[in-house]
Amino acid sequence: MESMQVKEVHEIQALTKGHVLYFFKNPDQYISNVIEFVLSGLKRNEYSIIIENDD
């Protein structure tokens, strides 16, 4: 079984691998961060999966 680590990351570019759980209060900042996340993955030729909840 793989070990699981939780690490707070303040910049998307700092991520090298793994999963992201993202809580937010500002929808505009959220959209900006999603765009940055997807573009970062595209530049690295990696996949991005975004799962959202309407709540």
N, C-alpha and C. Protein backbone atom coordinates (compact mmCIF):
# COMPACT_ATOMS: atom_id res chain seq x y z
N MET A 1 0.84 -1.18 0.00
CA MET A 1 0.00 0.00 0.00
C MET A 1 0.89 1.24 0.00
N GLU A 2 0.56 2.19 -0.86
CA GLU A 2 1.35 3.42 -0.93
C GLU A 2 1.07 4.31 0.28
N SER A 3 2.09 5.05 0.70
CA SER A 3 1.87 6.00 1.78
C SER A 3 1.22 7.25 1.20
N MET A 4 0.48 7.96 2.03
CA MET A 4 -0.20 9.15 1.59
C MET A 4 0.32 10.34 2.38
N GLN A 5 0.67 11.39 1.65
CA GLN A 5 1.13 12.61 2.30
C GLN A 5 0.19 13.74 1.93
N VAL A 6 -0.03 14.63 2.87
CA VAL A 6 -0.80 15.83 2.60
C VAL A 6 0.17 17.00 2.73
N LYS A 7 0.22 17.81 1.70
CA LYS A 7 1.16 18.92 1.68
C LYS A 7 0.46 20.15 1.15
N GLU A 8 0.56 21.25 1.88
CA GLU A 8 -0.04 22.49 1.41
C GLU A 8 0.88 23.12 0.38
N VAL A 9 0.31 23.46 -0.77
CA VAL A 9 1.07 24.07 -1.86
C VAL A 9 0.45 25.42 -2.16
N HIS A 10 1.29 26.43 -2.26
CA HIS A 10 0.78 27.78 -2.48
C HIS A 10 0.85 28.21 -3.94
N GLU A 11 1.55 27.45 -4.77
CA GLU A 11 1.65 27.77 -6.19
C GLU A 11 1.55 26.48 -6.98
N ILE A 12 0.72 26.51 -8.03
CA ILE A 12 0.51 25.33 -8.86
C ILE A 12 1.83 24.84 -9.44
N GLN A 13 2.71 25.75 -9.83
CA GLN A 13 3.98 25.35 -10.44
C GLN A 13 4.83 24.52 -9.49
N ALA A 14 4.57 24.61 -8.19
CA ALA A 14 5.37 23.86 -7.22
C ALA A 14 5.00 22.37 -7.19
N LEU A 15 3.88 22.01 -7.81
CA LEU A 15 3.47 20.60 -7.83
C LEU A 15 4.31 19.82 -8.82
N THR A 16 4.76 18.64 -8.43
CA THR A 16 5.50 17.79 -9.34
C THR A 16 4.73 16.53 -9.70
N LYS A 17 3.82 16.10 -8.84
CA LYS A 17 2.97 14.94 -9.11
C LYS A 17 1.92 14.86 -8.02
N GLY A 18 0.93 14.01 -8.23
CA GLY A 18 -0.05 13.76 -7.19
C GLY A 18 -1.43 14.30 -7.49
N HIS A 19 -2.23 14.38 -6.47
CA HIS A 19 -3.61 14.81 -6.55
C HIS A 19 -3.77 16.12 -5.79
N VAL A 20 -4.81 16.87 -6.16
CA VAL A 20 -5.05 18.16 -5.52
C VAL A 20 -6.48 18.18 -4.99
N LEU A 21 -6.64 18.57 -3.74
CA LEU A 21 -7.94 18.86 -3.15
C LEU A 21 -7.92 20.35 -2.87
N TYR A 22 -8.84 21.07 -3.46
CA TYR A 22 -8.76 22.53 -3.44
C TYR A 22 -10.05 23.11 -2.89
N PHE A 23 -9.96 23.84 -1.78
CA PHE A 23 -11.10 24.55 -1.20
C PHE A 23 -10.95 26.02 -1.56
N PHE A 24 -12.07 26.69 -1.82
CA PHE A 24 -11.98 28.10 -2.19
C PHE A 24 -13.22 28.85 -1.75
N LYS A 25 -13.08 30.17 -1.63
CA LYS A 25 -14.19 31.06 -1.31
C LYS A 25 -14.44 32.05 -2.45
N ASN A 26 -13.41 32.36 -3.24
CA ASN A 26 -13.50 33.35 -4.30
C ASN A 26 -13.58 32.64 -5.65
N PRO A 27 -14.75 32.65 -6.29
CA PRO A 27 -14.91 31.95 -7.58
C PRO A 27 -13.97 32.46 -8.68
N ASP A 28 -13.70 33.75 -8.71
CA ASP A 28 -12.80 34.29 -9.74
C ASP A 28 -11.39 33.76 -9.56
N GLN A 29 -10.92 33.68 -8.32
CA GLN A 29 -9.59 33.14 -8.05
C GLN A 29 -9.54 31.66 -8.38
N TYR A 30 -10.64 30.95 -8.10
CA TYR A 30 -10.73 29.53 -8.44
C TYR A 30 -10.56 29.31 -9.94
N ILE A 31 -11.29 30.07 -10.74
CA ILE A 31 -11.20 29.93 -12.20
C ILE A 31 -9.77 30.21 -12.67
N SER A 32 -9.17 31.24 -12.13
CA SER A 32 -7.78 31.57 -12.48
C SER A 32 -6.84 30.41 -12.14
N ASN A 33 -7.02 29.80 -10.99
CA ASN A 33 -6.17 28.68 -10.57
C ASN A 33 -6.41 27.44 -11.42
N VAL A 34 -7.65 27.19 -11.81
CA VAL A 34 -7.95 26.04 -12.68
C VAL A 34 -7.26 26.22 -14.03
N ILE A 35 -7.35 27.42 -14.58
CA ILE A 35 -6.69 27.70 -15.86
C ILE A 35 -5.19 27.49 -15.75
N GLU A 36 -4.60 28.00 -14.68
CA GLU A 36 -3.15 27.83 -14.46
C GLU A 36 -2.79 26.35 -14.33
N PHE A 37 -3.62 25.59 -13.62
CA PHE A 37 -3.39 24.16 -13.42
C PHE A 37 -3.41 23.41 -14.76
N VAL A 38 -4.42 23.67 -15.57
CA VAL A 38 -4.55 22.99 -16.86
C VAL A 38 -3.41 23.38 -17.80
N LEU A 39 -3.11 24.66 -17.88
CA LEU A 39 -2.02 25.10 -18.75
C LEU A 39 -0.68 24.51 -18.33
N SER A 40 -0.47 24.42 -17.02
CA SER A 40 0.77 23.83 -16.51
C SER A 40 0.88 22.36 -16.95
N GLY A 41 -0.23 21.62 -16.88
CA GLY A 41 -0.23 20.23 -17.32
C GLY A 41 0.01 20.11 -18.82
N LEU A 42 -0.59 21.00 -19.60
CA LEU A 42 -0.40 20.97 -21.05
C LEU A 42 1.06 21.22 -21.42
N LYS A 43 1.68 22.16 -20.73
CA LYS A 43 3.10 22.46 -21.02
C LYS A 43 3.99 21.27 -20.73
N ARG A 44 3.58 20.43 -19.77
CA ARG A 44 4.37 19.24 -19.41
C ARG A 44 3.90 18.00 -20.16
N ASN A 45 2.92 18.17 -21.05
CA ASN A 45 2.35 17.05 -21.80
C ASN A 45 1.75 16.01 -20.84
N GLU A 46 1.05 16.50 -19.82
CA GLU A 46 0.42 15.65 -18.82
C GLU A 46 -1.10 15.80 -18.90
N TYR A 47 -1.80 14.84 -18.30
CA TYR A 47 -3.25 14.88 -18.24
C TYR A 47 -3.70 15.69 -17.03
N SER A 48 -4.84 16.34 -17.16
CA SER A 48 -5.49 17.02 -16.04
C SER A 48 -6.94 16.57 -15.99
N ILE A 49 -7.40 16.22 -14.82
CA ILE A 49 -8.80 15.85 -14.62
C ILE A 49 -9.37 16.78 -13.56
N ILE A 50 -10.49 17.39 -13.89
CA ILE A 50 -11.11 18.31 -12.95
C ILE A 50 -12.49 17.76 -12.61
N ILE A 51 -12.73 17.54 -11.34
CA ILE A 51 -14.02 17.06 -10.86
C ILE A 51 -14.57 18.14 -9.95
N GLU A 52 -15.78 18.60 -10.26
CA GLU A 52 -16.39 19.69 -9.49
C GLU A 52 -17.72 19.26 -8.92
N ASN A 53 -18.17 20.04 -7.96
CA ASN A 53 -19.45 19.85 -7.32
C ASN A 53 -20.17 21.19 -7.34
N ASP A 54 -21.43 21.23 -7.72
CA ASP A 54 -22.17 22.49 -7.81
C ASP A 54 -22.34 23.18 -6.47
N ASP A 55 -22.20 22.46 -5.37
CA ASP A 55 -22.33 23.09 -4.06
C ASP A 55 -21.23 24.08 -3.86
